[in-house]
Amino acid sequence: MNVIITEGRYDRDYLERYAYSFSAPAETGVTVRSVARDVDGYRVDTDHHSWHALNVVIATGDCDTPFVPAIGTSLSSDVTQVTPT
């Protein structure tokens, strides 16, 4: 599992500590250029390198306050979207 921590509302140090608390390989200061379906998962291209992932989670908002970007309404039906209720 790779964890990419990008700029955003949350404190980068906090997210790095969280990722390292369970030995997730974290990358900071990385820009994700694209995520595309691959033969057996996804290809993730960043400004540093590319890698393969079986699953991709894109998280926005707080854990109990959903924030679904406008692009969420145009995603394919095979993309599972989960929001707290």
PDB file of N, CA and C in Angstrom:
ATOM      1  N   MET A   1       0.836  -1.172   0.000  1.00  0.00           N
ATOM      2  CA  MET A   1       0.000   0.000   0.000  1.00  0.00           C
ATOM      3  C   MET A   1       0.882   1.236   0.000  1.00  0.00           C
ATOM      4  N   ASN A   2       0.581   2.167  -0.848  1.00  0.00           N
ATOM      5  CA  ASN A   2       1.252   3.450  -0.846  1.00  0.00           C
ATOM      6  C   ASN A   2       0.265   4.509  -0.402  1.00  0.00           C
ATOM      7  N   VAL A   3       0.740   5.483   0.317  1.00  0.00           N
ATOM      8  CA  VAL A   3      -0.086   6.599   0.744  1.00  0.00           C
ATOM      9  C   VAL A   3       0.534   7.859   0.180  1.00  0.00           C
ATOM     10  N   ILE A   4      -0.261   8.609  -0.574  1.00  0.00           N
ATOM     11  CA  ILE A   4       0.220   9.877  -1.097  1.00  0.00           C
ATOM     12  C   ILE A   4      -0.478  10.974  -0.321  1.00  0.00           C
ATOM     13  N   ILE A   5       0.307  11.836   0.286  1.00  0.00           N
ATOM     14  CA  ILE A   5      -0.237  12.946   1.058  1.00  0.00           C
ATOM     15  C   ILE A   5       0.014  14.218   0.259  1.00  0.00           C
ATOM     16  N   THR A   6      -1.059  14.839  -0.191  1.00  0.00           N
ATOM     17  CA  THR A   6      -0.933  16.059  -0.989  1.00  0.00           C
ATOM     18  C   THR A   6      -1.313  17.264  -0.149  1.00  0.00           C
ATOM     19  N   GLU A   7      -1.145  18.424  -0.714  1.00  0.00           N
ATOM     20  CA  GLU A   7      -1.521  19.646  -0.013  1.00  0.00           C
ATOM     21  C   GLU A   7      -3.014  19.665   0.213  1.00  0.00           C
ATOM     22  N   GLY A   8      -3.455  20.265   1.256  1.00  0.00           N
ATOM     23  CA  GLY A   8      -4.876  20.337   1.530  1.00  0.00           C
ATOM     24  C   GLY A   8      -5.137  20.971   2.876  1.00  0.00           C
ATOM     25  N   ARG A   9      -6.302  20.700   3.400  1.00  0.00           N
ATOM     26  CA  ARG A   9      -6.732  21.310   4.661  1.00  0.00           C
ATOM     27  C   ARG A   9      -6.016  20.742   5.864  1.00  0.00           C
ATOM     28  N   TYR A  10      -5.535  19.528   5.762  1.00  0.00           N
ATOM     29  CA  TYR A  10      -4.995  18.865   6.934  1.00  0.00           C
ATOM     30  C   TYR A  10      -3.506  19.100   7.065  1.00  0.00           C
ATOM     31  N   ASP A  11      -3.067  19.087   8.294  1.00  0.00           N
ATOM     32  CA  ASP A  11      -1.667  19.263   8.606  1.00  0.00           C
ATOM     33  C   ASP A  11      -0.855  18.093   8.067  1.00  0.00           C
ATOM     34  N   ARG A  12       0.109  18.378   7.219  1.00  0.00           N
ATOM     35  CA  ARG A  12       0.913  17.337   6.592  1.00  0.00           C
ATOM     36  C   ARG A  12       1.632  16.484   7.633  1.00  0.00           C
ATOM     37  N   ASP A  13       2.173  17.107   8.690  1.00  0.00           N
ATOM     38  CA  ASP A  13       2.873  16.341   9.721  1.00  0.00           C
ATOM     39  C   ASP A  13       1.952  15.320  10.378  1.00  0.00           C
ATOM     40  N   TYR A  14       0.722  15.715  10.667  1.00  0.00           N
ATOM     41  CA  TYR A  14      -0.244  14.802  11.279  1.00  0.00           C
ATOM     42  C   TYR A  14      -0.488  13.604  10.371  1.00  0.00           C
ATOM     43  N   LEU A  15      -0.719  13.858   9.073  1.00  0.00           N
ATOM     44  CA  LEU A  15      -0.988  12.762   8.141  1.00  0.00           C
ATOM     45  C   LEU A  15       0.228  11.864   7.960  1.00  0.00           C
ATOM     46  N   GLU A  16       1.422  12.451   7.951  1.00  0.00           N
ATOM     47  CA  GLU A  16       2.637  11.632   7.859  1.00  0.00           C
ATOM     48  C   GLU A  16       2.762  10.724   9.085  1.00  0.00           C
ATOM     49  N   ARG A  17       2.536  11.277  10.272  1.00  0.00           N
ATOM     50  CA  ARG A  17       2.623  10.469  11.494  1.00  0.00           C
ATOM     51  C   ARG A  17       1.592   9.340  11.465  1.00  0.00           C
ATOM     52  N   TYR A  18       0.395   9.655  11.000  1.00  0.00           N
ATOM     53  CA  TYR A  18      -0.649   8.633  10.917  1.00  0.00           C
ATOM     54  C   TYR A  18      -0.231   7.512   9.964  1.00  0.00           C
ATOM     55  N   ALA A  19       0.252   7.854   8.783  1.00  0.00           N
ATOM     56  CA  ALA A  19       0.679   6.845   7.810  1.00  0.00           C
ATOM     57  C   ALA A  19       1.815   5.987   8.372  1.00  0.00           C
ATOM     58  N   TYR A  20       2.779   6.618   9.002  1.00  0.00           N
ATOM     59  CA  TYR A  20       3.903   5.874   9.551  1.00  0.00           C
ATOM     60  C   TYR A  20       3.521   5.039  10.760  1.00  0.00           C
ATOM     61  N   SER A  21       2.405   5.373  11.434  1.00  0.00           N
ATOM     62  CA  SER A  21       2.003   4.619  12.621  1.00  0.00           C
ATOM     63  C   SER A  21       1.658   3.173  12.289  1.00  0.00           C
ATOM     64  N   PHE A  22       1.325   2.894  11.033  1.00  0.00           N
ATOM     65  CA  PHE A  22       1.079   1.501  10.646  1.00  0.00           C
ATOM     66  C   PHE A  22       1.942   1.120   9.450  1.00  0.00           C
ATOM     67  N   SER A  23       3.095   1.763   9.337  1.00  0.00           N
ATOM     68  CA  SER A  23       4.136   1.444   8.353  1.00  0.00           C
ATOM     69  C   SER A  23       3.685   1.572   6.900  1.00  0.00           C
ATOM     70  N   ALA A  24       2.761   2.471   6.640  1.00  0.00           N
ATOM     71  CA  ALA A  24       2.361   2.722   5.255  1.00  0.00           C
ATOM     72  C   ALA A  24       3.438   3.582   4.598  1.00  0.00           C
ATOM     73  N   PRO A  25       3.902   3.196   3.424  1.00  0.00           N
ATOM     74  CA  PRO A  25       4.915   4.010   2.752  1.00  0.00           C
ATOM     75  C   PRO A  25       4.284   5.316   2.274  1.00  0.00           C
ATOM     76  N   ALA A  26       4.607   6.409   2.939  1.00  0.00           N
ATOM     77  CA  ALA A  26       3.997   7.701   2.634  1.00  0.00           C
ATOM     78  C   ALA A  26       4.902   8.533   1.738  1.00  0.00           C
ATOM     79  N   GLU A  27       4.301   9.240   0.810  1.00  0.00           N
ATOM     80  CA  GLU A  27       5.012  10.173  -0.047  1.00  0.00           C
ATOM     81  C   GLU A  27       4.367  11.536   0.132  1.00  0.00           C
ATOM     82  N   THR A  28       5.184  12.541   0.382  1.00  0.00           N
ATOM     83  CA  THR A  28       4.641  13.885   0.532  1.00  0.00           C
ATOM     84  C   THR A  28       5.143  14.772  -0.602  1.00  0.00           C
ATOM     85  N   GLY A  29       4.419  15.851  -0.839  1.00  0.00           N
ATOM     86  CA  GLY A  29       4.825  16.789  -1.879  1.00  0.00           C
ATOM     87  C   GLY A  29       4.714  16.213  -3.275  1.00  0.00           C
ATOM     88  N   VAL A  30       3.828  15.248  -3.455  1.00  0.00           N
ATOM     89  CA  VAL A  30       3.669  14.562  -4.739  1.00  0.00           C
ATOM     90  C   VAL A  30       2.375  15.035  -5.394  1.00  0.00           C
ATOM     91  N   THR A  31       2.452  15.286  -6.685  1.00  0.00           N
ATOM     92  CA  THR A  31       1.256  15.636  -7.439  1.00  0.00           C
ATOM     93  C   THR A  31       0.825  14.426  -8.252  1.00  0.00           C
ATOM     94  N   VAL A  32      -0.406  13.964  -8.033  1.00  0.00           N
ATOM     95  CA  VAL A  32      -0.939  12.860  -8.827  1.00  0.00           C
ATOM     96  C   VAL A  32      -1.397  13.428 -10.158  1.00  0.00           C
ATOM     97  N   ARG A  33      -0.824  12.930 -11.242  1.00  0.00           N
ATOM     98  CA  ARG A  33      -1.152  13.413 -12.586  1.00  0.00           C
ATOM     99  C   ARG A  33      -2.356  12.673 -13.165  1.00  0.00           C
ATOM    100  N   SER A  34      -2.437  11.359 -12.906  1.00  0.00           N
ATOM    101  CA  SER A  34      -3.564  10.591 -13.430  1.00  0.00           C
ATOM    102  C   SER A  34      -3.696   9.265 -12.690  1.00  0.00           C
ATOM    103  N   VAL A  35      -4.919   8.750 -12.719  1.00  0.00           N
ATOM    104  CA  VAL A  35      -5.233   7.414 -12.220  1.00  0.00           C
ATOM    105  C   VAL A  35      -6.044   6.748 -13.317  1.00  0.00           C
ATOM    106  N   ALA A  36      -5.574   5.617 -13.802  1.00  0.00           N
ATOM    107  CA  ALA A  36      -6.253   4.946 -14.913  1.00  0.00           C
ATOM    108  C   ALA A  36      -6.383   3.459 -14.620  1.00  0.00           C
ATOM    109  N   ARG A  37      -7.507   2.894 -15.038  1.00  0.00           N
ATOM    110  CA  ARG A  37      -7.708   1.451 -14.865  1.00  0.00           C
ATOM    111  C   ARG A  37      -6.647   0.707 -15.666  1.00  0.00           C
ATOM    112  N   ASP A  38      -6.101  -0.328 -15.063  1.00  0.00           N
ATOM    113  CA  ASP A  38      -5.066  -1.158 -15.668  1.00  0.00           C
ATOM    114  C   ASP A  38      -5.622  -2.575 -15.762  1.00  0.00           C
ATOM    115  N   VAL A  39      -4.839  -3.504 -16.272  1.00  0.00           N
ATOM    116  CA  VAL A  39      -5.281  -4.879 -16.448  1.00  0.00           C
ATOM    117  C   VAL A  39      -5.822  -5.477 -15.152  1.00  0.00           C
ATOM    118  N   ASP A  40      -5.097  -5.316 -14.058  1.00  0.00           N
ATOM    119  CA  ASP A  40      -5.516  -5.902 -12.786  1.00  0.00           C
ATOM    120  C   ASP A  40      -5.495  -4.883 -11.647  1.00  0.00           C
ATOM    121  N   GLY A  41      -5.954  -3.694 -11.930  1.00  0.00           N
ATOM    122  CA  GLY A  41      -5.985  -2.653 -10.910  1.00  0.00           C
ATOM    123  C   GLY A  41      -5.934  -1.281 -11.545  1.00  0.00           C
ATOM    124  N   TYR A  42      -5.037  -0.453 -11.024  1.00  0.00           N
ATOM    125  CA  TYR A  42      -4.919   0.925 -11.492  1.00  0.00           C
ATOM    126  C   TYR A  42      -3.465   1.321 -11.650  1.00  0.00           C
ATOM    127  N   ARG A  43      -3.219   2.173 -12.618  1.00  0.00           N
ATOM    128  CA  ARG A  43      -1.905   2.788 -12.791  1.00  0.00           C
ATOM    129  C   ARG A  43      -2.022   4.207 -12.260  1.00  0.00           C
ATOM    130  N   VAL A  44      -1.139   4.558 -11.333  1.00  0.00           N
ATOM    131  CA  VAL A  44      -1.124   5.887 -10.745  1.00  0.00           C
ATOM    132  C   VAL A  44       0.141   6.591 -11.211  1.00  0.00           C
ATOM    133  N   ASP A  45      -0.025   7.680 -11.930  1.00  0.00           N
ATOM    134  CA  ASP A  45       1.114   8.465 -12.416  1.00  0.00           C
ATOM    135  C   ASP A  45       1.230   9.729 -11.585  1.00  0.00           C
ATOM    136  N   THR A  46       2.425   9.958 -11.042  1.00  0.00           N
ATOM    137  CA  THR A  46       2.685  11.161 -10.261  1.00  0.00           C
ATOM    138  C   THR A  46       3.796  11.949 -10.937  1.00  0.00           C
ATOM    139  N   ASP A  47       4.110  13.106 -10.388  1.00  0.00           N
ATOM    140  CA  ASP A  47       5.204  13.885 -10.946  1.00  0.00           C
ATOM    141  C   ASP A  47       6.569  13.301 -10.574  1.00  0.00           C
ATOM    142  N   HIS A  48       6.592  12.259  -9.724  1.00  0.00           N
ATOM    143  CA  HIS A  48       7.847  11.605  -9.353  1.00  0.00           C
ATOM    144  C   HIS A  48       8.036  10.253 -10.029  1.00  0.00           C
ATOM    145  N   HIS A  49       6.974   9.465 -10.126  1.00  0.00           N
ATOM    146  CA  HIS A  49       7.066   8.140 -10.744  1.00  0.00           C
ATOM    147  C   HIS A  49       5.672   7.578 -10.944  1.00  0.00           C
ATOM    148  N   SER A  50       5.599   6.357 -11.455  1.00  0.00           N
ATOM    149  CA  SER A  50       4.322   5.664 -11.646  1.00  0.00           C
ATOM    150  C   SER A  50       4.349   4.368 -10.853  1.00  0.00           C
ATOM    151  N   TRP A  51       3.171   3.922 -10.430  1.00  0.00           N
ATOM    152  CA  TRP A  51       3.093   2.648  -9.742  1.00  0.00           C
ATOM    153  C   TRP A  51       1.720   2.039  -9.941  1.00  0.00           C
ATOM    154  N   HIS A  52       1.600   0.769  -9.566  1.00  0.00           N
ATOM    155  CA  HIS A  52       0.375  -0.003  -9.751  1.00  0.00           C
ATOM    156  C   HIS A  52      -0.309  -0.175  -8.406  1.00  0.00           C
ATOM    157  N   ALA A  53      -1.648  -0.085  -8.407  1.00  0.00           N
ATOM    158  CA  ALA A  53      -2.420  -0.278  -7.177  1.00  0.00           C
ATOM    159  C   ALA A  53      -3.620  -1.169  -7.473  1.00  0.00           C
ATOM    160  N   LEU A  54      -3.936  -2.057  -6.556  1.00  0.00           N
ATOM    161  CA  LEU A  54      -5.131  -2.883  -6.713  1.00  0.00           C
ATOM    162  C   LEU A  54      -6.397  -2.058  -6.493  1.00  0.00           C
ATOM    163  N   ASN A  55      -6.325  -1.101  -5.580  1.00  0.00           N
ATOM    164  CA  ASN A  55      -7.460  -0.232  -5.268  1.00  0.00           C
ATOM    165  C   ASN A  55      -6.946   1.184  -5.071  1.00  0.00           C
ATOM    166  N   VAL A  56      -7.818   2.146  -5.295  1.00  0.00           N
ATOM    167  CA  VAL A  56      -7.481   3.550  -5.085  1.00  0.00           C
ATOM    168  C   VAL A  56      -8.588   4.178  -4.255  1.00  0.00           C
ATOM    169  N   VAL A  57      -8.192   4.891  -3.220  1.00  0.00           N
ATOM    170  CA  VAL A  57      -9.143   5.620  -2.386  1.00  0.00           C
ATOM    171  C   VAL A  57      -8.813   7.097  -2.495  1.00  0.00           C
ATOM    172  N   ILE A  58      -9.798   7.872  -2.865  1.00  0.00           N
ATOM    173  CA  ILE A  58      -9.636   9.317  -2.918  1.00  0.00           C
ATOM    174  C   ILE A  58     -10.528   9.877  -1.816  1.00  0.00           C
ATOM    175  N   ALA A  59      -9.926  10.486  -0.828  1.00  0.00           N
ATOM    176  CA  ALA A  59     -10.679  10.957   0.327  1.00  0.00           C
ATOM    177  C   ALA A  59     -10.716  12.480   0.353  1.00  0.00           C
ATOM    178  N   THR A  60     -11.905  13.018   0.597  1.00  0.00           N
ATOM    179  CA  THR A  60     -12.081  14.454   0.745  1.00  0.00           C
ATOM    180  C   THR A  60     -12.974  14.715   1.944  1.00  0.00           C
ATOM    181  N   GLY A  61     -12.874  15.865   2.519  1.00  0.00           N
ATOM    182  CA  GLY A  61     -13.747  16.230   3.626  1.00  0.00           C
ATOM    183  C   GLY A  61     -13.330  15.599   4.939  1.00  0.00           C
ATOM    184  N   ASP A  62     -14.099  15.911   5.969  1.00  0.00           N
ATOM    185  CA  ASP A  62     -13.867  15.345   7.298  1.00  0.00           C
ATOM    186  C   ASP A  62     -14.526  13.979   7.391  1.00  0.00           C
ATOM    187  N   CYS A  63     -14.173  13.212   8.411  1.00  0.00           N
ATOM    188  CA  CYS A  63     -14.687  11.855   8.526  1.00  0.00           C
ATOM    189  C   CYS A  63     -16.198  11.812   8.712  1.00  0.00           C
ATOM    190  N   ASP A  64     -16.791  12.855   9.251  1.00  0.00           N
ATOM    191  CA  ASP A  64     -18.227  12.837   9.480  1.00  0.00           C
ATOM    192  C   ASP A  64     -18.990  13.913   8.703  1.00  0.00           C
ATOM    193  N   THR A  65     -18.277  14.633   7.836  1.00  0.00           N
ATOM    194  CA  THR A  65     -18.899  15.665   7.018  1.00  0.00           C
ATOM    195  C   THR A  65     -18.539  15.410   5.562  1.00  0.00           C
ATOM    196  N   PRO A  66     -19.444  14.811   4.798  1.00  0.00           N
ATOM    197  CA  PRO A  66     -19.096  14.468   3.421  1.00  0.00           C
ATOM    198  C   PRO A  66     -18.871  15.699   2.556  1.00  0.00           C
ATOM    199  N   PHE A  67     -17.900  15.595   1.685  1.00  0.00           N
ATOM    200  CA  PHE A  67     -17.669  16.594   0.650  1.00  0.00           C
ATOM    201  C   PHE A  67     -17.441  15.817  -0.637  1.00  0.00           C
ATOM    202  N   VAL A  68     -18.391  15.857  -1.527  1.00  0.00           N
ATOM    203  CA  VAL A  68     -18.277  15.155  -2.799  1.00  0.00           C
ATOM    204  C   VAL A  68     -18.074  16.208  -3.881  1.00  0.00           C
ATOM    205  N   PRO A  69     -16.890  16.241  -4.507  1.00  0.00           N
ATOM    206  CA  PRO A  69     -16.648  17.220  -5.564  1.00  0.00           C
ATOM    207  C   PRO A  69     -17.631  17.028  -6.722  1.00  0.00           C
ATOM    208  N   ALA A  70     -17.854  18.071  -7.492  1.00  0.00           N
ATOM    209  CA  ALA A  70     -18.801  18.028  -8.607  1.00  0.00           C
ATOM    210  C   ALA A  70     -18.503  16.888  -9.570  1.00  0.00           C
ATOM    211  N   ILE A  71     -17.233  16.551  -9.755  1.00  0.00           N
ATOM    212  CA  ILE A  71     -16.876  15.476 -10.684  1.00  0.00           C
ATOM    213  C   ILE A  71     -17.479  14.141 -10.240  1.00  0.00           C
ATOM    214  N   GLY A  72     -17.813  14.017  -8.957  1.00  0.00           N
ATOM    215  CA  GLY A  72     -18.393  12.780  -8.443  1.00  0.00           C
ATOM    216  C   GLY A  72     -19.701  12.411  -9.114  1.00  0.00           C
ATOM    217  N   THR A  73     -20.442  13.398  -9.587  1.00  0.00           N
ATOM    218  CA  THR A  73     -21.726  13.116 -10.240  1.00  0.00           C
ATOM    219  C   THR A  73     -21.554  12.550 -11.640  1.00  0.00           C
ATOM    220  N   SER A  74     -20.368  12.697 -12.219  1.00  0.00           N
ATOM    221  CA  SER A  74     -20.165  12.224 -13.590  1.00  0.00           C
ATOM    222  C   SER A  74     -19.311  10.955 -13.672  1.00  0.00           C
ATOM    223  N   LEU A  75     -18.992  10.358 -12.528  1.00  0.00           N
ATOM    224  CA  LEU A  75     -18.184   9.137 -12.539  1.00  0.00           C
ATOM    225  C   LEU A  75     -18.999   7.944 -13.017  1.00  0.00           C
ATOM    226  N   SER A  76     -18.309   6.990 -13.587  1.00  0.00           N
ATOM    227  CA  SER A  76     -18.925   5.758 -14.059  1.00  0.00           C
ATOM    228  C   SER A  76     -19.600   5.027 -12.905  1.00  0.00           C
ATOM    229  N   SER A  77     -20.633   4.268 -13.219  1.00  0.00           N
ATOM    230  CA  SER A  77     -21.358   3.525 -12.187  1.00  0.00           C
ATOM    231  C   SER A  77     -20.509   2.408 -11.575  1.00  0.00           C
ATOM    232  N   ASP A  78     -19.389   2.047 -12.193  1.00  0.00           N
ATOM    233  CA  ASP A  78     -18.540   1.012 -11.598  1.00  0.00           C
ATOM    234  C   ASP A  78     -17.577   1.580 -10.553  1.00  0.00           C
ATOM    235  N   VAL A  79     -17.658   2.886 -10.306  1.00  0.00           N
ATOM    236  CA  VAL A  79     -16.872   3.509  -9.250  1.00  0.00           C
ATOM    237  C   VAL A  79     -17.758   3.576  -8.002  1.00  0.00           C
ATOM    238  N   THR A  80     -17.286   2.970  -6.925  1.00  0.00           N
ATOM    239  CA  THR A  80     -18.047   2.964  -5.683  1.00  0.00           C
ATOM    240  C   THR A  80     -17.745   4.243  -4.902  1.00  0.00           C
ATOM    241  N   GLN A  81     -18.783   4.980  -4.585  1.00  0.00           N
ATOM    242  CA  GLN A  81     -18.637   6.188  -3.781  1.00  0.00           C
ATOM    243  C   GLN A  81     -19.313   5.954  -2.427  1.00  0.00           C
ATOM    244  N   VAL A  82     -18.608   6.290  -1.381  1.00  0.00           N
ATOM    245  CA  VAL A  82     -19.121   6.086  -0.029  1.00  0.00           C
ATOM    246  C   VAL A  82     -19.034   7.412   0.721  1.00  0.00           C
ATOM    247  N   THR A  83     -20.130   7.795   1.359  1.00  0.00           N
ATOM    248  CA  THR A  83     -20.142   8.986   2.188  1.00  0.00           C
ATOM    249  C   THR A  83     -20.782   8.626   3.526  1.00  0.00           C
ATOM    250  N   PRO A  84     -20.372   9.309   4.612  1.00  0.00           N
ATOM    251  CA  PRO A  84     -20.985   9.011   5.906  1.00  0.00           C
ATOM    252  C   PRO A  84     -22.444   9.446   5.926  1.00  0.00           C
ATOM    253  N   THR A  85     -23.226   8.765   6.722  1.00  0.00           N
ATOM    254  CA  THR A  85     -24.645   9.124   6.830  1.00  0.00           C
ATOM    255  C   THR A  85     -24.964   9.667   8.199  1.00  0.00           C
TER     256      THR A  85
END
